[in-house]
Amino acid sequence: MEGEVVAAGPGARNDAGVVTALDVKAGDRVLFGKWSGTEVKIDGEDLLIMKESDLMGVVEGAPAVARKAA
């Protein structure tokens, strides 16, 4: 499956309590498994909440928003 990151937090906290920054940011196009994440509906929009570890990769190139406009 492919999607666009719409928001990302500051990172994940490790066992020592230190926050490790995420490698993804809002606007990135990402690949993930079909059953990954938790489905939620916010303001009528269907979204997925997932851990960065659930992502299979980031698609390089133009952001998803730019591709939709083209």
N, C-alpha and C. Protein backbone atom coordinates (compact mmCIF):
# COMPACT_ATOMS: atom_id res chain seq x y z
N MET A 1 0.85 -1.18 0.00
CA MET A 1 0.00 0.00 0.00
C MET A 1 0.89 1.24 0.00
N GLU A 2 0.36 2.33 -0.51
CA GLU A 2 1.10 3.59 -0.57
C GLU A 2 0.25 4.69 0.04
N GLY A 3 0.88 5.61 0.74
CA GLY A 3 0.15 6.72 1.34
C GLY A 3 1.05 7.92 1.53
N GLU A 4 0.46 8.98 2.06
CA GLU A 4 1.20 10.21 2.33
C GLU A 4 1.17 10.49 3.83
N VAL A 5 2.32 10.85 4.37
CA VAL A 5 2.41 11.23 5.78
C VAL A 5 1.77 12.61 5.92
N VAL A 6 0.72 12.72 6.75
CA VAL A 6 0.07 14.02 6.95
C VAL A 6 0.57 14.70 8.22
N ALA A 7 1.12 13.93 9.15
CA ALA A 7 1.67 14.50 10.38
C ALA A 7 2.61 13.48 11.01
N ALA A 8 3.60 13.97 11.73
CA ALA A 8 4.54 13.10 12.44
C ALA A 8 4.92 13.76 13.75
N GLY A 9 5.05 12.95 14.77
CA GLY A 9 5.43 13.46 16.09
C GLY A 9 6.93 13.71 16.16
N PRO A 10 7.41 14.04 17.37
CA PRO A 10 8.83 14.36 17.55
C PRO A 10 9.75 13.14 17.45
N GLY A 11 9.22 11.94 17.66
CA GLY A 11 10.03 10.75 17.58
C GLY A 11 9.59 9.69 18.57
N ALA A 12 10.38 8.64 18.65
CA ALA A 12 10.07 7.52 19.54
C ALA A 12 11.01 7.55 20.73
N ARG A 13 10.49 7.19 21.90
CA ARG A 13 11.30 7.16 23.11
C ARG A 13 11.88 5.75 23.27
N ASN A 14 13.21 5.65 23.44
CA ASN A 14 13.84 4.34 23.61
C ASN A 14 13.78 3.91 25.07
N ASP A 15 14.39 2.76 25.38
CA ASP A 15 14.34 2.22 26.74
C ASP A 15 14.99 3.13 27.78
N ALA A 16 15.95 3.95 27.35
CA ALA A 16 16.63 4.87 28.25
C ALA A 16 15.87 6.18 28.41
N GLY A 17 14.75 6.34 27.69
CA GLY A 17 13.94 7.55 27.78
C GLY A 17 14.36 8.66 26.83
N VAL A 18 15.32 8.37 25.97
CA VAL A 18 15.79 9.37 25.02
C VAL A 18 14.92 9.33 23.76
N VAL A 19 14.51 10.50 23.28
CA VAL A 19 13.68 10.58 22.07
C VAL A 19 14.58 10.50 20.84
N THR A 20 14.27 9.53 19.97
CA THR A 20 14.98 9.36 18.71
C THR A 20 14.13 9.96 17.61
N ALA A 21 14.69 10.90 16.86
CA ALA A 21 13.94 11.60 15.80
C ALA A 21 13.49 10.62 14.72
N LEU A 22 12.35 10.92 14.09
CA LEU A 22 11.82 10.11 13.00
C LEU A 22 12.54 10.43 11.69
N ASP A 23 12.55 9.46 10.78
CA ASP A 23 13.14 9.66 9.47
C ASP A 23 12.13 10.16 8.45
N VAL A 24 10.84 10.12 8.79
CA VAL A 24 9.80 10.59 7.86
C VAL A 24 9.25 11.92 8.35
N LYS A 25 8.67 12.66 7.41
CA LYS A 25 8.07 13.96 7.74
C LYS A 25 6.79 14.13 6.94
N ALA A 26 5.98 15.08 7.31
CA ALA A 26 4.73 15.35 6.60
C ALA A 26 5.04 15.61 5.13
N GLY A 27 4.25 15.00 4.25
CA GLY A 27 4.43 15.17 2.81
C GLY A 27 5.16 14.00 2.16
N ASP A 28 5.87 13.18 2.95
CA ASP A 28 6.57 12.02 2.39
C ASP A 28 5.56 11.00 1.88
N ARG A 29 5.87 10.37 0.74
CA ARG A 29 5.08 9.24 0.23
C ARG A 29 5.74 7.99 0.77
N VAL A 30 4.96 7.13 1.39
CA VAL A 30 5.51 5.94 2.04
C VAL A 30 4.79 4.67 1.60
N LEU A 31 5.49 3.55 1.77
CA LEU A 31 4.93 2.24 1.49
C LEU A 31 4.75 1.50 2.81
N PHE A 32 3.63 0.77 2.93
CA PHE A 32 3.36 0.03 4.17
C PHE A 32 2.51 -1.18 3.83
N GLY A 33 2.48 -2.15 4.76
CA GLY A 33 1.71 -3.36 4.55
C GLY A 33 0.20 -3.11 4.58
N LYS A 34 -0.53 -3.97 3.92
CA LYS A 34 -1.98 -3.82 3.79
C LYS A 34 -2.70 -3.73 5.13
N TRP A 35 -2.23 -4.45 6.14
CA TRP A 35 -2.91 -4.49 7.43
C TRP A 35 -2.18 -3.68 8.50
N SER A 36 -1.30 -2.77 8.09
CA SER A 36 -0.55 -1.94 9.04
C SER A 36 -1.41 -0.82 9.61
N GLY A 37 -1.06 -0.39 10.80
CA GLY A 37 -1.67 0.78 11.40
C GLY A 37 -3.05 0.56 11.97
N THR A 38 -3.58 1.63 12.54
CA THR A 38 -4.91 1.66 13.13
C THR A 38 -5.76 2.68 12.39
N GLU A 39 -6.90 2.25 11.88
CA GLU A 39 -7.78 3.15 11.12
C GLU A 39 -8.55 4.05 12.06
N VAL A 40 -8.58 5.35 11.74
CA VAL A 40 -9.36 6.34 12.49
C VAL A 40 -10.05 7.27 11.50
N LYS A 41 -11.09 7.93 11.95
CA LYS A 41 -11.77 8.94 11.14
C LYS A 41 -11.73 10.24 11.92
N ILE A 42 -11.10 11.27 11.34
CA ILE A 42 -10.98 12.57 11.98
C ILE A 42 -11.55 13.61 11.03
N ASP A 43 -12.53 14.37 11.50
CA ASP A 43 -13.21 15.39 10.68
C ASP A 43 -13.68 14.81 9.35
N GLY A 44 -14.19 13.58 9.38
CA GLY A 44 -14.73 12.94 8.19
C GLY A 44 -13.68 12.35 7.25
N GLU A 45 -12.40 12.44 7.61
CA GLU A 45 -11.32 11.92 6.76
C GLU A 45 -10.79 10.62 7.34
N ASP A 46 -10.70 9.58 6.52
CA ASP A 46 -10.15 8.29 6.95
C ASP A 46 -8.63 8.37 6.98
N LEU A 47 -8.04 8.06 8.12
CA LEU A 47 -6.59 8.12 8.30
C LEU A 47 -6.08 6.85 8.94
N LEU A 48 -4.78 6.61 8.86
CA LEU A 48 -4.12 5.51 9.54
C LEU A 48 -3.10 6.07 10.52
N ILE A 49 -3.07 5.53 11.71
CA ILE A 49 -2.03 5.86 12.68
C ILE A 49 -1.11 4.66 12.73
N MET A 50 0.19 4.89 12.54
CA MET A 50 1.12 3.76 12.57
C MET A 50 2.48 4.18 13.08
N LYS A 51 3.24 3.18 13.49
CA LYS A 51 4.61 3.40 13.93
C LYS A 51 5.51 3.49 12.71
N GLU A 52 6.60 4.21 12.85
CA GLU A 52 7.55 4.31 11.75
C GLU A 52 8.11 2.93 11.40
N SER A 53 8.21 2.05 12.38
CA SER A 53 8.74 0.71 12.12
C SER A 53 7.80 -0.11 11.23
N ASP A 54 6.53 0.30 11.09
CA ASP A 54 5.58 -0.38 10.20
C ASP A 54 5.79 0.00 8.73
N LEU A 55 6.55 1.06 8.48
CA LEU A 55 6.77 1.53 7.11
C LEU A 55 7.82 0.67 6.43
N MET A 56 7.60 0.39 5.14
CA MET A 56 8.54 -0.41 4.36
C MET A 56 9.54 0.48 3.62
N GLY A 57 9.17 1.73 3.37
CA GLY A 57 10.09 2.63 2.69
C GLY A 57 9.45 3.95 2.33
N VAL A 58 10.29 4.87 1.93
CA VAL A 58 9.84 6.19 1.47
C VAL A 58 10.07 6.24 -0.04
N VAL A 59 9.06 6.67 -0.79
CA VAL A 59 9.15 6.78 -2.25
C VAL A 59 9.82 8.11 -2.57
N GLU A 60 10.95 8.03 -3.28
CA GLU A 60 11.68 9.24 -3.67
C GLU A 60 10.98 9.93 -4.83
N GLY A 61 11.22 11.21 -4.97
CA GLY A 61 10.65 11.97 -6.08
C GLY A 61 9.74 13.07 -5.58
N ALA A 62 8.86 13.53 -6.45
CA ALA A 62 7.95 14.63 -6.11
C ALA A 62 6.99 14.19 -5.01
N PRO A 63 6.65 15.11 -4.10
CA PRO A 63 5.67 14.79 -3.06
C PRO A 63 4.33 14.38 -3.65
N ALA A 64 3.55 13.63 -2.89
CA ALA A 64 2.26 13.13 -3.35
C ALA A 64 1.34 14.27 -3.77
N VAL A 65 1.36 15.39 -3.07
CA VAL A 65 0.49 16.53 -3.39
C VAL A 65 0.81 17.04 -4.78
N ALA A 66 2.08 17.15 -5.13
CA ALA A 66 2.47 17.65 -6.45
C ALA A 66 2.05 16.67 -7.54
N ARG A 67 2.12 15.38 -7.26
CA ARG A 67 1.74 14.38 -8.27
C ARG A 67 0.23 14.43 -8.54
N LYS A 68 -0.57 14.71 -7.53
CA LYS A 68 -2.02 14.79 -7.72
C LYS A 68 -2.38 15.95 -8.64
N ALA A 69 -1.64 17.07 -8.52
CA ALA A 69 -1.94 18.26 -9.31
C ALA A 69 -1.52 18.10 -10.76
N ALA A 70 -0.57 17.22 -11.01
CA ALA A 70 -0.04 17.07 -12.37
C ALA A 70 -0.99 16.34 -13.29
